[in-house]
N, C-alpha and C. Protein backbone atom coordinates (compact mmCIF):
# COMPACT_ATOMS: atom_id res chain seq x y z
N MET A 1 0.84 -1.18 0.00
CA MET A 1 0.00 0.00 0.00
C MET A 1 0.89 1.25 0.00
N ALA A 2 0.56 2.19 -0.83
CA ALA A 2 1.36 3.41 -0.98
C ALA A 2 1.20 4.31 0.24
N ALA A 3 2.27 5.01 0.56
CA ALA A 3 2.23 5.96 1.67
C ALA A 3 1.37 7.16 1.29
N ILE A 4 0.76 7.76 2.28
CA ILE A 4 -0.06 8.95 2.06
C ILE A 4 0.60 10.11 2.78
N GLU A 5 0.82 11.19 2.05
CA GLU A 5 1.42 12.39 2.61
C GLU A 5 0.48 13.56 2.37
N VAL A 6 0.42 14.48 3.32
CA VAL A 6 -0.43 15.66 3.21
C VAL A 6 0.44 16.90 3.26
N ILE A 7 0.24 17.79 2.29
CA ILE A 7 0.98 19.05 2.23
C ILE A 7 -0.04 20.18 2.36
N TYR A 8 0.15 21.02 3.37
CA TYR A 8 -0.72 22.17 3.58
C TYR A 8 -0.02 23.42 3.04
N LEU A 9 -0.64 24.06 2.07
CA LEU A 9 -0.09 25.29 1.51
C LEU A 9 -0.70 26.49 2.22
N THR A 10 -0.02 27.62 2.13
CA THR A 10 -0.56 28.88 2.63
C THR A 10 -0.89 29.77 1.44
N ARG A 11 -1.57 30.85 1.70
CA ARG A 11 -1.91 31.77 0.61
C ARG A 11 -0.67 32.38 -0.03
N GLN A 12 0.41 32.48 0.73
CA GLN A 12 1.62 33.11 0.23
C GLN A 12 2.51 32.16 -0.57
N ASP A 13 2.24 30.86 -0.53
CA ASP A 13 3.08 29.91 -1.25
C ASP A 13 2.97 30.12 -2.76
N THR A 14 4.09 30.03 -3.43
CA THR A 14 4.14 30.19 -4.88
C THR A 14 4.13 28.81 -5.53
N ILE A 15 4.03 28.79 -6.84
CA ILE A 15 4.07 27.53 -7.57
C ILE A 15 5.43 26.87 -7.41
N ASP A 16 6.48 27.66 -7.35
CA ASP A 16 7.82 27.11 -7.15
C ASP A 16 7.93 26.43 -5.79
N ALA A 17 7.38 27.05 -4.76
CA ALA A 17 7.41 26.46 -3.42
C ALA A 17 6.60 25.17 -3.38
N ALA A 18 5.45 25.15 -4.05
CA ALA A 18 4.61 23.96 -4.06
C ALA A 18 5.32 22.80 -4.78
N CYS A 19 5.97 23.09 -5.89
CA CYS A 19 6.71 22.05 -6.62
C CYS A 19 7.88 21.54 -5.79
N GLU A 20 8.53 22.43 -5.07
CA GLU A 20 9.64 22.02 -4.21
C GLU A 20 9.15 21.11 -3.08
N MET A 21 7.98 21.41 -2.54
CA MET A 21 7.40 20.54 -1.50
C MET A 21 7.10 19.16 -2.06
N LEU A 22 6.64 19.11 -3.31
CA LEU A 22 6.38 17.81 -3.94
C LEU A 22 7.67 17.02 -4.10
N GLU A 23 8.75 17.70 -4.40
CA GLU A 23 10.04 17.03 -4.60
C GLU A 23 10.55 16.36 -3.33
N HIS A 24 10.07 16.81 -2.17
CA HIS A 24 10.48 16.22 -0.90
C HIS A 24 9.61 15.02 -0.51
N SER A 25 8.62 14.71 -1.32
CA SER A 25 7.73 13.58 -1.04
C SER A 25 8.38 12.27 -1.47
N THR A 26 7.93 11.19 -0.86
CA THR A 26 8.44 9.87 -1.17
C THR A 26 7.92 9.43 -2.55
N PRO A 27 8.79 9.01 -3.46
CA PRO A 27 8.33 8.56 -4.78
C PRO A 27 7.33 7.41 -4.65
N GLY A 28 6.30 7.47 -5.45
CA GLY A 28 5.28 6.44 -5.45
C GLY A 28 4.20 6.64 -4.41
N SER A 29 4.28 7.71 -3.63
CA SER A 29 3.28 7.93 -2.59
C SER A 29 2.10 8.73 -3.12
N GLN A 30 1.03 8.70 -2.36
CA GLN A 30 -0.15 9.51 -2.68
C GLN A 30 -0.02 10.80 -1.88
N VAL A 31 -0.08 11.93 -2.57
CA VAL A 31 0.11 13.23 -1.92
C VAL A 31 -1.19 14.02 -2.01
N TRP A 32 -1.69 14.43 -0.87
CA TRP A 32 -2.88 15.29 -0.79
C TRP A 32 -2.38 16.70 -0.54
N MET A 33 -2.57 17.59 -1.50
CA MET A 33 -2.13 18.98 -1.37
C MET A 33 -3.35 19.84 -1.06
N VAL A 34 -3.33 20.46 0.12
CA VAL A 34 -4.46 21.26 0.60
C VAL A 34 -4.20 22.72 0.30
N LEU A 35 -5.07 23.31 -0.52
CA LEU A 35 -4.96 24.72 -0.88
C LEU A 35 -5.96 25.52 -0.06
N PRO A 36 -5.52 26.62 0.56
CA PRO A 36 -6.46 27.46 1.30
C PRO A 36 -7.35 28.25 0.34
N TRP A 37 -8.41 28.80 0.88
CA TRP A 37 -9.34 29.60 0.10
C TRP A 37 -8.61 30.74 -0.59
N ARG A 38 -8.83 30.90 -1.86
CA ARG A 38 -8.25 31.96 -2.69
C ARG A 38 -6.73 31.95 -2.75
N ALA A 39 -6.15 30.79 -2.68
CA ALA A 39 -4.70 30.69 -2.88
C ALA A 39 -4.43 31.05 -4.34
N LYS A 40 -3.53 31.98 -4.56
CA LYS A 40 -3.27 32.48 -5.92
C LYS A 40 -2.79 31.38 -6.85
N LEU A 41 -2.09 30.42 -6.31
CA LEU A 41 -1.53 29.37 -7.16
C LEU A 41 -2.63 28.49 -7.77
N GLY A 42 -3.79 28.42 -7.14
CA GLY A 42 -4.88 27.59 -7.65
C GLY A 42 -5.80 28.30 -8.62
N LEU A 43 -5.52 29.55 -8.92
CA LEU A 43 -6.42 30.32 -9.78
C LEU A 43 -5.98 30.36 -11.24
N LYS A 44 -4.86 29.71 -11.56
CA LYS A 44 -4.37 29.72 -12.94
C LYS A 44 -4.16 28.28 -13.42
N LEU A 45 -4.69 28.00 -14.59
CA LEU A 45 -4.59 26.66 -15.16
C LEU A 45 -3.14 26.24 -15.37
N VAL A 46 -2.29 27.17 -15.78
CA VAL A 46 -0.89 26.84 -16.04
C VAL A 46 -0.20 26.34 -14.77
N ASN A 47 -0.54 26.91 -13.61
CA ASN A 47 0.05 26.46 -12.35
C ASN A 47 -0.38 25.03 -12.02
N LEU A 48 -1.65 24.74 -12.23
CA LEU A 48 -2.15 23.40 -11.93
C LEU A 48 -1.55 22.35 -12.87
N LYS A 49 -1.35 22.75 -14.13
CA LYS A 49 -0.70 21.83 -15.07
C LYS A 49 0.75 21.58 -14.67
N ARG A 50 1.41 22.62 -14.17
CA ARG A 50 2.80 22.45 -13.72
C ARG A 50 2.87 21.51 -12.50
N LEU A 51 1.93 21.66 -11.57
CA LEU A 51 1.87 20.75 -10.42
C LEU A 51 1.67 19.31 -10.88
N LYS A 52 0.76 19.13 -11.83
CA LYS A 52 0.48 17.79 -12.34
C LYS A 52 1.72 17.19 -13.01
N ARG A 53 2.40 17.99 -13.83
CA ARG A 53 3.59 17.51 -14.52
C ARG A 53 4.70 17.16 -13.52
N THR A 54 4.88 17.99 -12.52
CA THR A 54 5.89 17.73 -11.49
C THR A 54 5.58 16.43 -10.76
N ALA A 55 4.32 16.25 -10.40
CA ALA A 55 3.92 15.02 -9.70
C ALA A 55 4.12 13.79 -10.58
N GLN A 56 3.79 13.89 -11.85
CA GLN A 56 3.99 12.76 -12.76
C GLN A 56 5.46 12.43 -12.91
N ASN A 57 6.31 13.44 -13.01
CA ASN A 57 7.75 13.21 -13.15
C ASN A 57 8.34 12.55 -11.91
N LEU A 58 7.72 12.79 -10.75
CA LEU A 58 8.20 12.21 -9.49
C LEU A 58 7.46 10.92 -9.13
N ALA A 59 6.60 10.44 -10.02
CA ALA A 59 5.80 9.23 -9.80
C ALA A 59 4.93 9.35 -8.56
N LEU A 60 4.28 10.51 -8.41
CA LEU A 60 3.39 10.75 -7.28
C LEU A 60 1.94 10.74 -7.74
N ASP A 61 1.07 10.28 -6.87
CA ASP A 61 -0.37 10.33 -7.11
C ASP A 61 -0.88 11.58 -6.39
N LEU A 62 -1.02 12.68 -7.11
CA LEU A 62 -1.36 13.98 -6.51
C LEU A 62 -2.86 14.16 -6.45
N ARG A 63 -3.35 14.58 -5.28
CA ARG A 63 -4.75 14.92 -5.08
C ARG A 63 -4.81 16.34 -4.55
N LEU A 64 -5.64 17.17 -5.16
CA LEU A 64 -5.78 18.56 -4.74
C LEU A 64 -7.03 18.67 -3.87
N VAL A 65 -6.91 19.33 -2.74
CA VAL A 65 -8.03 19.50 -1.82
C VAL A 65 -8.28 20.99 -1.64
N THR A 66 -9.49 21.43 -1.99
CA THR A 66 -9.86 22.84 -1.83
C THR A 66 -11.38 22.97 -1.81
N ARG A 67 -11.85 24.02 -1.17
CA ARG A 67 -13.29 24.31 -1.17
C ARG A 67 -13.67 25.20 -2.35
N HIS A 68 -12.69 25.79 -2.98
CA HIS A 68 -12.93 26.76 -4.05
C HIS A 68 -13.37 26.03 -5.32
N LEU A 69 -14.60 26.26 -5.74
CA LEU A 69 -15.17 25.54 -6.89
C LEU A 69 -14.43 25.82 -8.19
N TYR A 70 -14.00 27.06 -8.39
CA TYR A 70 -13.29 27.40 -9.62
C TYR A 70 -11.98 26.63 -9.71
N THR A 71 -11.27 26.53 -8.59
CA THR A 71 -10.01 25.79 -8.57
C THR A 71 -10.25 24.31 -8.86
N ARG A 72 -11.33 23.78 -8.31
CA ARG A 72 -11.65 22.36 -8.57
C ARG A 72 -11.91 22.11 -10.06
N SER A 73 -12.65 23.02 -10.68
CA SER A 73 -12.94 22.83 -12.11
C SER A 73 -11.67 22.97 -12.94
N LEU A 74 -10.79 23.88 -12.57
CA LEU A 74 -9.51 24.01 -13.27
C LEU A 74 -8.65 22.76 -13.09
N ALA A 75 -8.66 22.19 -11.90
CA ALA A 75 -7.87 20.99 -11.63
C ALA A 75 -8.35 19.83 -12.49
N ARG A 76 -9.65 19.72 -12.68
CA ARG A 76 -10.17 18.65 -13.55
C ARG A 76 -9.71 18.86 -14.99
N GLU A 77 -9.64 20.11 -15.41
CA GLU A 77 -9.22 20.45 -16.77
C GLU A 77 -7.73 20.19 -16.99
N ALA A 78 -6.95 20.39 -15.92
CA ALA A 78 -5.50 20.20 -16.03
C ALA A 78 -5.23 18.73 -16.22
């Protein structure tokens, strides 16, 4: 069974910081990334695609957790 890791982001975290946090995760693990309400990084499709690409390159199963409906719809599109 794969390990489960949870990463809590803050509103001030950038896409670079989020990708760096992913790089510290155990390869092959499931990572739940929690975005706070109106986190700027979750409001742009290009950022979510970059997170997805970083997770795929690191063999991570990335799950995004947020209450923001717009971010959820963008994540599905990414």
